[in-house]
C-alpha cells in the first residue's frame, strides 16, 4: 500500500507526444505530461486530442500523471453503431 494516496483530477488531452505520452490540460489550467494506464492499454482504449479523462497523480510530482479513465464524448458512436452490416448484395441490413 502506498504511503500517500493518489490525487484524482480531471482534464482534457491537448497534444499527443511520442512514446505513448500526452500533454494534458487540467481543469485548474495546469499542464502536465500523462501516460495511459496499463488496463487502458490492455483493452486497447484509444485516446485522441480533445478527449476528457480522469488522471491519477502522486503528491510528490505534480507534473506527471496517469490517465485511468477516458470519458465518452457526446455524439460519438460505439463500435456496434459505427459500422452497418452489409448483406451479400451490398445493401445495409435491416
C-alpha atoms as a PDB file:
ATOM      1  CA  UNK A   1       0.000   0.000   0.000  1.00  0.00           C
ATOM      2  CA  UNK A   2       1.240   3.481  -0.836  1.00  0.00           C
ATOM      3  CA  UNK A   3       2.329   5.887   1.865  1.00  0.00           C
ATOM      4  CA  UNK A   4       0.467   8.747   0.230  1.00  0.00           C
ATOM      5  CA  UNK A   5      -2.882   8.493  -1.500  1.00  0.00           C
ATOM      6  CA  UNK A   6      -3.066   9.365  -5.193  1.00  0.00           C
ATOM      7  CA  UNK A   7      -4.774  12.562  -6.310  1.00  0.00           C
ATOM      8  CA  UNK A   8      -7.586  12.068  -8.833  1.00  0.00           C
ATOM      9  CA  UNK A   9      -8.282  15.004 -11.109  1.00  0.00           C
ATOM     10  CA  UNK A  10      -9.962  15.619 -14.476  1.00  0.00           C
ATOM     11  CA  UNK A  11      -8.551  17.175 -17.600  1.00  0.00           C
ATOM     12  CA  UNK A  12      -8.515  17.009 -21.400  1.00  0.00           C
ATOM     13  CA  UNK A  13      -5.852  15.920 -23.867  1.00  0.00           C
ATOM     14  CA  UNK A  14      -4.244  18.810 -25.742  1.00  0.00           C
ATOM     15  CA  UNK A  15      -1.456  17.069 -27.623  1.00  0.00           C
ATOM     16  CA  UNK A  16      -0.164  13.576 -28.378  1.00  0.00           C
ATOM     17  CA  UNK A  17       3.530  13.224 -27.601  1.00  0.00           C
ATOM     18  CA  UNK A  18       5.984  10.494 -28.642  1.00  0.00           C
ATOM     19  CA  UNK A  19       6.364   7.263 -26.677  1.00  0.00           C
ATOM     20  CA  UNK A  20       2.702   6.936 -25.649  1.00  0.00           C
ATOM     21  CA  UNK A  21       2.537  10.145 -23.657  1.00  0.00           C
ATOM     22  CA  UNK A  22       0.057  13.016 -23.753  1.00  0.00           C
ATOM     23  CA  UNK A  23       0.080  16.708 -22.872  1.00  0.00           C
ATOM     24  CA  UNK A  24      -2.995  17.170 -20.676  1.00  0.00           C
ATOM     25  CA  UNK A  25      -4.621  20.442 -19.564  1.00  0.00           C
ATOM     26  CA  UNK A  26      -6.200  20.003 -16.135  1.00  0.00           C
ATOM     27  CA  UNK A  27      -9.428  21.683 -15.075  1.00  0.00           C
ATOM     28  CA  UNK A  28      -7.403  24.086 -12.907  1.00  0.00           C
ATOM     29  CA  UNK A  29      -5.482  25.234 -16.068  1.00  0.00           C
ATOM     30  CA  UNK A  30      -2.204  23.445 -15.204  1.00  0.00           C
ATOM     31  CA  UNK A  31      -0.494  21.437 -17.931  1.00  0.00           C
ATOM     32  CA  UNK A  32       1.060  18.028 -17.194  1.00  0.00           C
ATOM     33  CA  UNK A  33       2.545  15.050 -19.029  1.00  0.00           C
ATOM     34  CA  UNK A  34       0.484  11.863 -18.694  1.00  0.00           C
ATOM     35  CA  UNK A  35       0.628   8.292 -19.950  1.00  0.00           C
ATOM     36  CA  UNK A  36      -2.065   5.679 -20.467  1.00  0.00           C
ATOM     37  CA  UNK A  37      -2.693   3.245 -17.609  1.00  0.00           C
ATOM     38  CA  UNK A  38      -1.966  -0.443 -18.138  1.00  0.00           C
ATOM     39  CA  UNK A  39      -5.619  -1.547 -18.129  1.00  0.00           C
ATOM     40  CA  UNK A  40      -6.426   1.002 -20.841  1.00  0.00           C
ATOM     41  CA  UNK A  41      -3.512  -0.317 -22.906  1.00  0.00           C
ATOM     42  CA  UNK A  42      -4.566  -3.921 -22.289  1.00  0.00           C
ATOM     43  CA  UNK A  43      -8.099  -3.327 -23.570  1.00  0.00           C
ATOM     44  CA  UNK A  44      -6.862  -1.022 -26.380  1.00  0.00           C
ATOM     45  CA  UNK A  45      -8.778   2.055 -25.288  1.00  0.00           C
ATOM     46  CA  UNK A  46      -7.614   4.850 -27.570  1.00  0.00           C
ATOM     47  CA  UNK A  47      -7.237   8.470 -26.519  1.00  0.00           C
ATOM     48  CA  UNK A  48      -7.241  11.331 -29.018  1.00  0.00           C
ATOM     49  CA  UNK A  49      -6.852  15.105 -28.809  1.00  0.00           C
ATOM     50  CA  UNK A  50      -9.909  16.663 -27.169  1.00  0.00           C
ATOM     51  CA  UNK A  51     -10.862  13.646 -25.039  1.00  0.00           C
ATOM     52  CA  UNK A  52     -11.664  14.262 -21.385  1.00  0.00           C
ATOM     53  CA  UNK A  53     -10.409  11.848 -18.782  1.00  0.00           C
ATOM     54  CA  UNK A  54      -9.630  11.125 -15.160  1.00  0.00           C
ATOM     55  CA  UNK A  55      -5.987  11.256 -14.121  1.00  0.00           C
ATOM     56  CA  UNK A  56      -4.124   9.972 -11.091  1.00  0.00           C
ATOM     57  CA  UNK A  57      -1.175  11.946  -9.769  1.00  0.00           C
ATOM     58  CA  UNK A  58       1.198  11.400  -6.899  1.00  0.00           C
ATOM     59  CA  UNK A  59       1.578  14.281  -4.438  1.00  0.00           C
ATOM     60  CA  UNK A  60       5.376  14.033  -4.833  1.00  0.00           C
ATOM     61  CA  UNK A  61       5.485  15.070  -8.515  1.00  0.00           C
ATOM     62  CA  UNK A  62       2.615  17.244  -9.720  1.00  0.00           C
ATOM     63  CA  UNK A  63       3.949  17.499 -13.285  1.00  0.00           C
ATOM     64  CA  UNK A  64       3.298  13.864 -14.265  1.00  0.00           C
ATOM     65  CA  UNK A  65       0.192  11.677 -14.199  1.00  0.00           C
ATOM     66  CA  UNK A  66      -1.548   8.556 -15.438  1.00  0.00           C
ATOM     67  CA  UNK A  67      -4.776   8.530 -17.485  1.00  0.00           C
ATOM     68  CA  UNK A  68      -7.011   5.930 -15.826  1.00  0.00           C
ATOM     69  CA  UNK A  69     -10.403   6.646 -17.446  1.00  0.00           C
ATOM     70  CA  UNK A  70     -11.471   8.189 -20.756  1.00  0.00           C
ATOM     71  CA  UNK A  71     -14.933   9.736 -20.783  1.00  0.00           C
ATOM     72  CA  UNK A  72     -17.179   9.121 -23.756  1.00  0.00           C
ATOM     73  CA  UNK A  73     -17.750  12.199 -25.850  1.00  0.00           C
ATOM     74  CA  UNK A  74     -21.380  13.017 -26.738  1.00  0.00           C
ATOM     75  CA  UNK A  75     -22.332  12.089 -30.281  1.00  0.00           C
ATOM     76  CA  UNK A  76     -19.543   9.550 -30.649  1.00  0.00           C
ATOM     77  CA  UNK A  77     -20.855   6.172 -31.705  1.00  0.00           C
ATOM     78  CA  UNK A  78     -19.566   2.970 -30.179  1.00  0.00           C
ATOM     79  CA  UNK A  79     -18.118   0.205 -32.337  1.00  0.00           C
ATOM     80  CA  UNK A  80     -21.504  -1.522 -32.746  1.00  0.00           C
ATOM     81  CA  UNK A  81     -23.266   1.607 -34.010  1.00  0.00           C
ATOM     82  CA  UNK A  82     -20.384   2.887 -36.094  1.00  0.00           C
ATOM     83  CA  UNK A  83     -20.472   0.146 -38.737  1.00  0.00           C
ATOM     84  CA  UNK A  84     -23.531  -1.123 -40.542  1.00  0.00           C
ATOM     85  CA  UNK A  85     -23.890  -4.750 -41.504  1.00  0.00           C
ATOM     86  CA  UNK A  86     -23.793  -5.180 -45.263  1.00  0.00           C
ATOM     87  CA  UNK A  87     -25.559  -8.129 -46.854  1.00  0.00           C
ATOM     88  CA  UNK A  88     -24.313 -10.067 -49.912  1.00  0.00           C
ATOM     89  CA  UNK A  89     -25.959  -7.625 -52.353  1.00  0.00           C
ATOM     90  CA  UNK A  90     -24.059  -4.635 -50.936  1.00  0.00           C
ATOM     91  CA  UNK A  91     -27.039  -3.086 -49.171  1.00  0.00           C
ATOM     92  CA  UNK A  92     -27.343  -2.227 -45.493  1.00  0.00           C
ATOM     93  CA  UNK A  93     -29.065  -4.971 -43.495  1.00  0.00           C
ATOM     94  CA  UNK A  94     -32.217  -4.052 -41.596  1.00  0.00           C
END
